[in-house]
Amino acid sequence: MSARTSLFLLILLAPSGARAEDWLQSAENAARSAAVPGEASPEKPKPGRQVLAPASRFFLADLPSVGWRPNEEEGASGSVVRVFGPDDPSGRFRAVLSVRLVDRDSAGFQPVKRAIDAMRAADSAVARSATSVRPLRVPAGLARTFEVVETRRLPAEEGPSTPIEIHHYVAVIPHGGEAYFVVRLATARANYLDFRDDFVRFLRSLRPLGATGR
């Protein structure tokens, strides 16, 4: 996979009247009041708020906070935007928020339900466990949110390594037809609660661009 540091623009947040198509109509009523447990109340847009605009232009969203560093990579599965945040207290794992748009042209494409099942599947090799799936209404559409915890050995390269628990906040958001966004915030388990509000605010600020973003 070739990596490139993309040009990111900081622009003023503009209100959007666009509305993504609802996903799973039968869950709509529950989704109206659903929320990530303990989430902060949605914020009103603030004048001058800085927004992340990747070079591929498939979405706009608020930067999580000061000091997060964006990067965009292009590979066989399409563009993925990663925003790198602070290290955990041990200095071994840096928080990273990623956004990927998946559609029929993506390598290894899976329909959305199968993809969610795969991301939540237990894996004894990494001691993976996952919470149940919860619907959450966000401006981009009706998301499915869940959390995953797994144990990895870091550094992953050859040489001495030690296990560390990694926590993932995950949201899957439909984007017309069979396309969907996968938004993931990975942090060390030791301080994952420090980033919960960052994740919720990012989801509430995300605005898809174009029919499929391609």
C-alpha atoms as a PDB file:
ATOM      1  CA  MET A   1       0.000   0.000   0.000  1.00  0.00           C
ATOM      2  CA  SER A   2       1.421   3.372  -0.971  1.00  0.00           C
ATOM      3  CA  ALA A   3       1.017   6.140   1.581  1.00  0.00           C
ATOM      4  CA  ARG A   4       0.847   9.821   0.886  1.00  0.00           C
ATOM      5  CA  THR A   5       0.414  12.745   3.124  1.00  0.00           C
ATOM      6  CA  SER A   6      -2.585  14.525   1.688  1.00  0.00           C
ATOM      7  CA  LEU A   7      -3.372  18.175   1.654  1.00  0.00           C
ATOM      8  CA  PHE A   8      -5.983  18.878   4.279  1.00  0.00           C
ATOM      9  CA  LEU A   9      -7.934  22.102   4.257  1.00  0.00           C
ATOM     10  CA  LEU A  10      -9.224  23.838   7.354  1.00  0.00           C
ATOM     11  CA  ILE A  11     -12.499  25.474   6.415  1.00  0.00           C
ATOM     12  CA  LEU A  12     -15.430  27.006   8.214  1.00  0.00           C
ATOM     13  CA  LEU A  13     -18.210  24.565   8.989  1.00  0.00           C
ATOM     14  CA  ALA A  14     -21.221  25.224   6.799  1.00  0.00           C
ATOM     15  CA  PRO A  15     -24.680  23.868   7.671  1.00  0.00           C
ATOM     16  CA  SER A  16     -25.830  21.056   5.424  1.00  0.00           C
ATOM     17  CA  GLY A  17     -29.424  20.340   4.517  1.00  0.00           C
ATOM     18  CA  ALA A  18     -28.538  17.023   2.900  1.00  0.00           C
ATOM     19  CA  ARG A  19     -29.803  13.930   4.571  1.00  0.00           C
ATOM     20  CA  ALA A  20     -28.519  10.402   4.024  1.00  0.00           C
ATOM     21  CA  GLU A  21     -31.050   7.698   3.338  1.00  0.00           C
ATOM     22  CA  ASP A  22     -32.267   5.861   6.415  1.00  0.00           C
ATOM     23  CA  TRP A  23     -30.835   2.435   7.112  1.00  0.00           C
ATOM     24  CA  LEU A  24     -33.015  -0.272   8.644  1.00  0.00           C
ATOM     25  CA  GLN A  25     -36.350   1.515   8.701  1.00  0.00           C
ATOM     26  CA  SER A  26     -37.683  -0.837  11.367  1.00  0.00           C
ATOM     27  CA  ALA A  27     -35.141   0.582  13.826  1.00  0.00           C
ATOM     28  CA  GLU A  28     -35.907   4.236  13.122  1.00  0.00           C
ATOM     29  CA  ASN A  29     -38.074   4.875  16.171  1.00  0.00           C
ATOM     30  CA  ALA A  30     -35.516   3.356  18.509  1.00  0.00           C
ATOM     31  CA  ALA A  31     -32.742   5.285  16.816  1.00  0.00           C
ATOM     32  CA  ARG A  32     -34.368   8.648  17.446  1.00  0.00           C
ATOM     33  CA  SER A  33     -33.615   8.337  21.138  1.00  0.00           C
ATOM     34  CA  ALA A  34     -30.619   6.001  20.940  1.00  0.00           C
ATOM     35  CA  ALA A  35     -27.212   7.185  22.077  1.00  0.00           C
ATOM     36  CA  VAL A  36     -23.769   5.887  22.792  1.00  0.00           C
ATOM     37  CA  PRO A  37     -23.870   5.190  26.570  1.00  0.00           C
ATOM     38  CA  GLY A  38     -22.679   8.252  28.441  1.00  0.00           C
ATOM     39  CA  GLU A  39     -22.351  10.383  25.314  1.00  0.00           C
ATOM     40  CA  ALA A  40     -22.171  14.151  25.536  1.00  0.00           C
ATOM     41  CA  SER A  41     -25.144  16.197  24.375  1.00  0.00           C
ATOM     42  CA  PRO A  42     -24.839  17.228  20.714  1.00  0.00           C
ATOM     43  CA  GLU A  43     -23.156  20.589  20.272  1.00  0.00           C
ATOM     44  CA  LYS A  44     -24.485  23.447  18.200  1.00  0.00           C
ATOM     45  CA  PRO A  45     -22.181  24.491  15.345  1.00  0.00           C
ATOM     46  CA  LYS A  46     -19.770  27.205  16.438  1.00  0.00           C
ATOM     47  CA  PRO A  47     -18.625  30.026  14.140  1.00  0.00           C
ATOM     48  CA  GLY A  48     -15.110  29.415  12.905  1.00  0.00           C
ATOM     49  CA  ARG A  49     -15.078  25.720  13.772  1.00  0.00           C
ATOM     50  CA  GLN A  50     -12.269  23.984  11.905  1.00  0.00           C
ATOM     51  CA  VAL A  51     -13.217  21.095   9.666  1.00  0.00           C
ATOM     52  CA  LEU A  52     -11.198  18.228   8.210  1.00  0.00           C
ATOM     53  CA  ALA A  53     -11.437  18.051   4.395  1.00  0.00           C
ATOM     54  CA  PRO A  54      -9.350  15.183   2.958  1.00  0.00           C
ATOM     55  CA  ALA A  55      -7.909  15.487  -0.539  1.00  0.00           C
ATOM     56  CA  SER A  56     -10.229  12.726  -1.811  1.00  0.00           C
ATOM     57  CA  ARG A  57     -13.174  14.925  -0.795  1.00  0.00           C
ATOM     58  CA  PHE A  58     -15.468  12.088   0.226  1.00  0.00           C
ATOM     59  CA  PHE A  59     -16.446  13.672   3.546  1.00  0.00           C
ATOM     60  CA  LEU A  60     -16.068  16.678   5.821  1.00  0.00           C
ATOM     61  CA  ALA A  61     -15.846  16.457   9.614  1.00  0.00           C
ATOM     62  CA  ASP A  62     -14.622  18.364  12.638  1.00  0.00           C
ATOM     63  CA  LEU A  63     -11.080  17.704  13.763  1.00  0.00           C
ATOM     64  CA  PRO A  64     -11.348  15.917  17.141  1.00  0.00           C
ATOM     65  CA  SER A  65      -9.313  18.564  18.969  1.00  0.00           C
ATOM     66  CA  VAL A  66      -6.097  20.543  18.801  1.00  0.00           C
ATOM     67  CA  GLY A  67      -3.012  18.458  18.090  1.00  0.00           C
ATOM     68  CA  TRP A  68      -4.569  15.651  16.012  1.00  0.00           C
ATOM     69  CA  ARG A  69      -2.600  15.040  12.795  1.00  0.00           C
ATOM     70  CA  PRO A  70      -4.410  13.831   9.615  1.00  0.00           C
ATOM     71  CA  ASN A  71      -3.033  11.539   6.917  1.00  0.00           C
ATOM     72  CA  GLU A  72      -4.638   9.904   3.882  1.00  0.00           C
ATOM     73  CA  GLU A  73      -3.598   6.629   2.250  1.00  0.00           C
ATOM     74  CA  GLU A  74      -4.681   5.154  -1.071  1.00  0.00           C
ATOM     75  CA  GLY A  75      -4.711   1.402  -1.576  1.00  0.00           C
ATOM     76  CA  ALA A  76      -6.564  -1.412  -3.324  1.00  0.00           C
ATOM     77  CA  SER A  77      -9.551  -0.921  -1.032  1.00  0.00           C
ATOM     78  CA  GLY A  78      -9.744   2.826  -1.719  1.00  0.00           C
ATOM     79  CA  SER A  79      -8.933   5.863   0.383  1.00  0.00           C
ATOM     80  CA  VAL A  80      -8.654   5.727   4.149  1.00  0.00           C
ATOM     81  CA  VAL A  81      -8.203   8.846   6.242  1.00  0.00           C
ATOM     82  CA  ARG A  82      -6.426   8.484   9.573  1.00  0.00           C
ATOM     83  CA  VAL A  83      -6.174  11.200  12.203  1.00  0.00           C
ATOM     84  CA  PHE A  84      -3.457  10.562  14.781  1.00  0.00           C
ATOM     85  CA  GLY A  85      -3.937  11.767  18.341  1.00  0.00           C
ATOM     86  CA  PRO A  86      -2.008  11.564  21.622  1.00  0.00           C
ATOM     87  CA  ASP A  87      -0.141   8.570  23.031  1.00  0.00           C
ATOM     88  CA  ASP A  88      -1.508   6.500  25.903  1.00  0.00           C
ATOM     89  CA  PRO A  89       0.096   6.965  29.364  1.00  0.00           C
ATOM     90  CA  SER A  90       2.660   4.236  28.636  1.00  0.00           C
ATOM     91  CA  GLY A  91       3.668   5.851  25.339  1.00  0.00           C
ATOM     92  CA  ARG A  92       3.212   2.560  23.458  1.00  0.00           C
ATOM     93  CA  PHE A  93       0.000   3.245  21.536  1.00  0.00           C
ATOM     94  CA  ARG A  94      -1.150   6.420  19.821  1.00  0.00           C
ATOM     95  CA  ALA A  95      -4.860   7.129  19.478  1.00  0.00           C
ATOM     96  CA  VAL A  96      -5.973   7.001  15.850  1.00  0.00           C
ATOM     97  CA  LEU A  97      -9.331   7.826  14.284  1.00  0.00           C
ATOM     98  CA  SER A  98      -9.954   6.403  10.804  1.00  0.00           C
ATOM     99  CA  VAL A  99     -12.636   6.845   8.150  1.00  0.00           C
ATOM    100  CA  ARG A 100     -13.021   4.421   5.245  1.00  0.00           C
ATOM    101  CA  LEU A 101     -15.665   4.374   2.515  1.00  0.00           C
ATOM    102  CA  VAL A 102     -16.557   0.845   1.405  1.00  0.00           C
ATOM    103  CA  ASP A 103     -18.497   0.051  -1.772  1.00  0.00           C
ATOM    104  CA  ARG A 104     -18.829  -2.652  -4.433  1.00  0.00           C
ATOM    105  CA  ASP A 105     -15.508  -1.622  -5.987  1.00  0.00           C
ATOM    106  CA  SER A 106     -13.599  -2.070  -2.716  1.00  0.00           C
ATOM    107  CA  ALA A 107     -11.263  -5.062  -2.501  1.00  0.00           C
ATOM    108  CA  GLY A 108     -12.774  -7.794  -0.324  1.00  0.00           C
ATOM    109  CA  PHE A 109     -16.173  -6.068  -0.293  1.00  0.00           C
ATOM    110  CA  GLN A 110     -18.716  -7.446   2.183  1.00  0.00           C
ATOM    111  CA  PRO A 111     -22.348  -6.369   2.557  1.00  0.00           C
ATOM    112  CA  VAL A 112     -22.809  -4.171   5.593  1.00  0.00           C
ATOM    113  CA  LYS A 113     -24.348  -6.760   7.938  1.00  0.00           C
ATOM    114  CA  ARG A 114     -21.671  -9.330   7.146  1.00  0.00           C
ATOM    115  CA  ALA A 115     -18.967  -6.703   7.641  1.00  0.00           C
ATOM    116  CA  ILE A 116     -20.333  -5.773  11.074  1.00  0.00           C
ATOM    117  CA  ASP A 117     -20.494  -9.438  12.077  1.00  0.00           C
ATOM    118  CA  ALA A 118     -16.876  -9.914  10.978  1.00  0.00           C
ATOM    119  CA  MET A 119     -15.662  -6.884  12.940  1.00  0.00           C
ATOM    120  CA  ARG A 120     -17.455  -8.119  16.076  1.00  0.00           C
ATOM    121  CA  ALA A 121     -16.510 -11.797  15.734  1.00  0.00           C
ATOM    122  CA  ALA A 122     -14.665 -13.350  18.669  1.00  0.00           C
ATOM    123  CA  ASP A 123     -11.023 -14.192  17.985  1.00  0.00           C
ATOM    124  CA  SER A 124      -9.084 -16.132  20.597  1.00  0.00           C
ATOM    125  CA  ALA A 125      -5.771 -15.204  18.949  1.00  0.00           C
ATOM    126  CA  VAL A 126      -6.222 -11.577  20.040  1.00  0.00           C
ATOM    127  CA  ALA A 127      -8.755 -12.135  22.855  1.00  0.00           C
ATOM    128  CA  ARG A 128     -11.317 -10.085  20.928  1.00  0.00           C
ATOM    129  CA  SER A 129     -14.684  -9.283  22.485  1.00  0.00           C
ATOM    130  CA  ALA A 130     -17.413  -6.881  21.382  1.00  0.00           C
ATOM    131  CA  THR A 131     -20.460  -5.120  22.765  1.00  0.00           C
ATOM    132  CA  SER A 132     -23.909  -5.416  21.242  1.00  0.00           C
ATOM    133  CA  VAL A 133     -24.822  -3.172  18.300  1.00  0.00           C
ATOM    134  CA  ARG A 134     -26.731   0.029  19.033  1.00  0.00           C
ATOM    135  CA  PRO A 135     -28.473   2.315  16.510  1.00  0.00           C
ATOM    136  CA  LEU A 136     -27.490   5.983  16.633  1.00  0.00           C
ATOM    137  CA  ARG A 137     -29.003   8.805  14.605  1.00  0.00           C
ATOM    138  CA  VAL A 138     -26.331  11.144  13.204  1.00  0.00           C
ATOM    139  CA  PRO A 139     -26.527  13.755  10.411  1.00  0.00           C
ATOM    140  CA  ALA A 140     -24.945  11.302   7.927  1.00  0.00           C
ATOM    141  CA  GLY A 141     -27.707   8.728   8.524  1.00  0.00           C
ATOM    142  CA  LEU A 142     -28.651   5.908  10.876  1.00  0.00           C
ATOM    143  CA  ALA A 143     -25.431   4.397  12.206  1.00  0.00           C
ATOM    144  CA  ARG A 144     -24.738   1.102  13.912  1.00  0.00           C
ATOM    145  CA  THR A 145     -22.285   1.589  16.783  1.00  0.00           C
ATOM    146  CA  PHE A 146     -20.397  -0.926  18.910  1.00  0.00           C
ATOM    147  CA  GLU A 147     -17.152  -1.325  20.827  1.00  0.00           C
ATOM    148  CA  VAL A 148     -14.397  -3.904  20.408  1.00  0.00           C
ATOM    149  CA  VAL A 149     -11.572  -4.816  22.789  1.00  0.00           C
ATOM    150  CA  GLU A 150      -8.593  -6.931  21.751  1.00  0.00           C
ATOM    151  CA  THR A 151      -5.052  -7.615  22.899  1.00  0.00           C
ATOM    152  CA  ARG A 152      -2.105  -6.933  20.609  1.00  0.00           C
ATOM    153  CA  ARG A 153       1.612  -7.304  21.066  1.00  0.00           C
ATOM    154  CA  LEU A 154       3.519  -4.082  20.462  1.00  0.00           C
ATOM    155  CA  PRO A 155       5.697  -3.305  18.708  1.00  0.00           C
ATOM    156  CA  ALA A 156       4.438  -5.673  16.018  1.00  0.00           C
ATOM    157  CA  GLU A 157       7.820  -5.846  14.277  1.00  0.00           C
ATOM    158  CA  GLU A 158      10.466  -8.410  15.138  1.00  0.00           C
ATOM    159  CA  GLY A 159      12.060  -8.023  18.543  1.00  0.00           C
ATOM    160  CA  PRO A 160      10.820  -7.807  22.129  1.00  0.00           C
ATOM    161  CA  SER A 161       7.133  -6.942  22.467  1.00  0.00           C
ATOM    162  CA  THR A 162       4.559  -6.784  25.230  1.00  0.00           C
ATOM    163  CA  PRO A 163       0.765  -7.215  25.143  1.00  0.00           C
ATOM    164  CA  ILE A 164      -1.495  -4.178  25.327  1.00  0.00           C
ATOM    165  CA  GLU A 165      -5.298  -3.995  25.381  1.00  0.00           C
ATOM    166  CA  ILE A 166      -6.683  -1.927  22.501  1.00  0.00           C
ATOM    167  CA  HIS A 167     -10.189  -0.447  22.573  1.00  0.00           C
ATOM    168  CA  HIS A 168     -12.126   0.450  19.408  1.00  0.00           C
ATOM    169  CA  TYR A 169     -15.183   2.666  19.122  1.00  0.00           C
ATOM    170  CA  VAL A 170     -16.779   1.686  15.783  1.00  0.00           C
ATOM    171  CA  ALA A 171     -19.616   3.172  13.737  1.00  0.00           C
ATOM    172  CA  VAL A 172     -20.925   1.876  10.408  1.00  0.00           C
ATOM    173  CA  ILE A 173     -22.983   4.423   8.459  1.00  0.00           C
ATOM    174  CA  PRO A 174     -24.830   3.720   5.169  1.00  0.00           C
ATOM    175  CA  HIS A 175     -24.057   5.922   2.186  1.00  0.00           C
ATOM    176  CA  GLY A 176     -26.527   5.032  -0.544  1.00  0.00           C
ATOM    177  CA  GLY A 177     -26.967   1.652  -2.244  1.00  0.00           C
ATOM    178  CA  GLU A 178     -24.554  -0.866  -0.760  1.00  0.00           C
ATOM    179  CA  ALA A 179     -21.879   1.682   0.184  1.00  0.00           C
ATOM    180  CA  TYR A 180     -21.104   2.526   3.796  1.00  0.00           C
ATOM    181  CA  PHE A 181     -18.619   4.381   5.965  1.00  0.00           C
ATOM    182  CA  VAL A 182     -16.593   2.631   8.658  1.00  0.00           C
ATOM    183  CA  VAL A 183     -15.491   5.086  11.345  1.00  0.00           C
ATOM    184  CA  ARG A 184     -13.169   3.715  14.023  1.00  0.00           C
ATOM    185  CA  LEU A 185     -11.362   5.277  16.980  1.00  0.00           C
ATOM    186  CA  ALA A 186      -8.647   3.016  18.412  1.00  0.00           C
ATOM    187  CA  THR A 187      -6.991   3.824  21.741  1.00  0.00           C
ATOM    188  CA  ALA A 188      -5.308   1.999  24.570  1.00  0.00           C
ATOM    189  CA  ARG A 189      -7.890   0.392  26.849  1.00  0.00           C
ATOM    190  CA  ALA A 190      -6.279   2.166  29.805  1.00  0.00           C
ATOM    191  CA  ASN A 191      -7.549   5.591  28.714  1.00  0.00           C
ATOM    192  CA  TYR A 192     -10.336   4.904  26.197  1.00  0.00           C
ATOM    193  CA  LEU A 193     -12.946   6.847  28.184  1.00  0.00           C
ATOM    194  CA  ASP A 194     -10.921  10.018  27.640  1.00  0.00           C
ATOM    195  CA  PHE A 195     -11.786   9.846  23.919  1.00  0.00           C
ATOM    196  CA  ARG A 196     -15.482   8.915  24.013  1.00  0.00           C
ATOM    197  CA  ASP A 197     -16.724  12.475  23.559  1.00  0.00           C
ATOM    198  CA  ASP A 198     -14.235  13.039  20.712  1.00  0.00           C
ATOM    199  CA  PHE A 199     -15.740  10.064  18.870  1.00  0.00           C
ATOM    200  CA  VAL A 200     -19.346  11.169  19.365  1.00  0.00           C
ATOM    201  CA  ARG A 201     -18.594  14.741  18.282  1.00  0.00           C
ATOM    202  CA  PHE A 202     -16.796  13.461  15.175  1.00  0.00           C
ATOM    203  CA  LEU A 203     -19.794  11.296  14.196  1.00  0.00           C
ATOM    204  CA  ARG A 204     -22.174  14.205  14.687  1.00  0.00           C
ATOM    205  CA  SER A 205     -20.020  16.449  12.491  1.00  0.00           C
ATOM    206  CA  LEU A 206     -19.376  14.002   9.614  1.00  0.00           C
ATOM    207  CA  ARG A 207     -20.914  15.113   6.313  1.00  0.00           C
ATOM    208  CA  PRO A 208     -20.612  12.765   3.298  1.00  0.00           C
ATOM    209  CA  LEU A 209     -19.903  14.355  -0.080  1.00  0.00           C
ATOM    210  CA  GLY A 210     -21.248  12.988  -3.371  1.00  0.00           C
ATOM    211  CA  ALA A 211     -23.397   9.935  -4.046  1.00  0.00           C
ATOM    212  CA  THR A 212     -20.698   7.414  -3.203  1.00  0.00           C
ATOM    213  CA  GLY A 213     -17.717   9.621  -2.457  1.00  0.00           C
ATOM    214  CA  ARG A 214     -15.725   8.063  -5.325  1.00  0.00           C
END
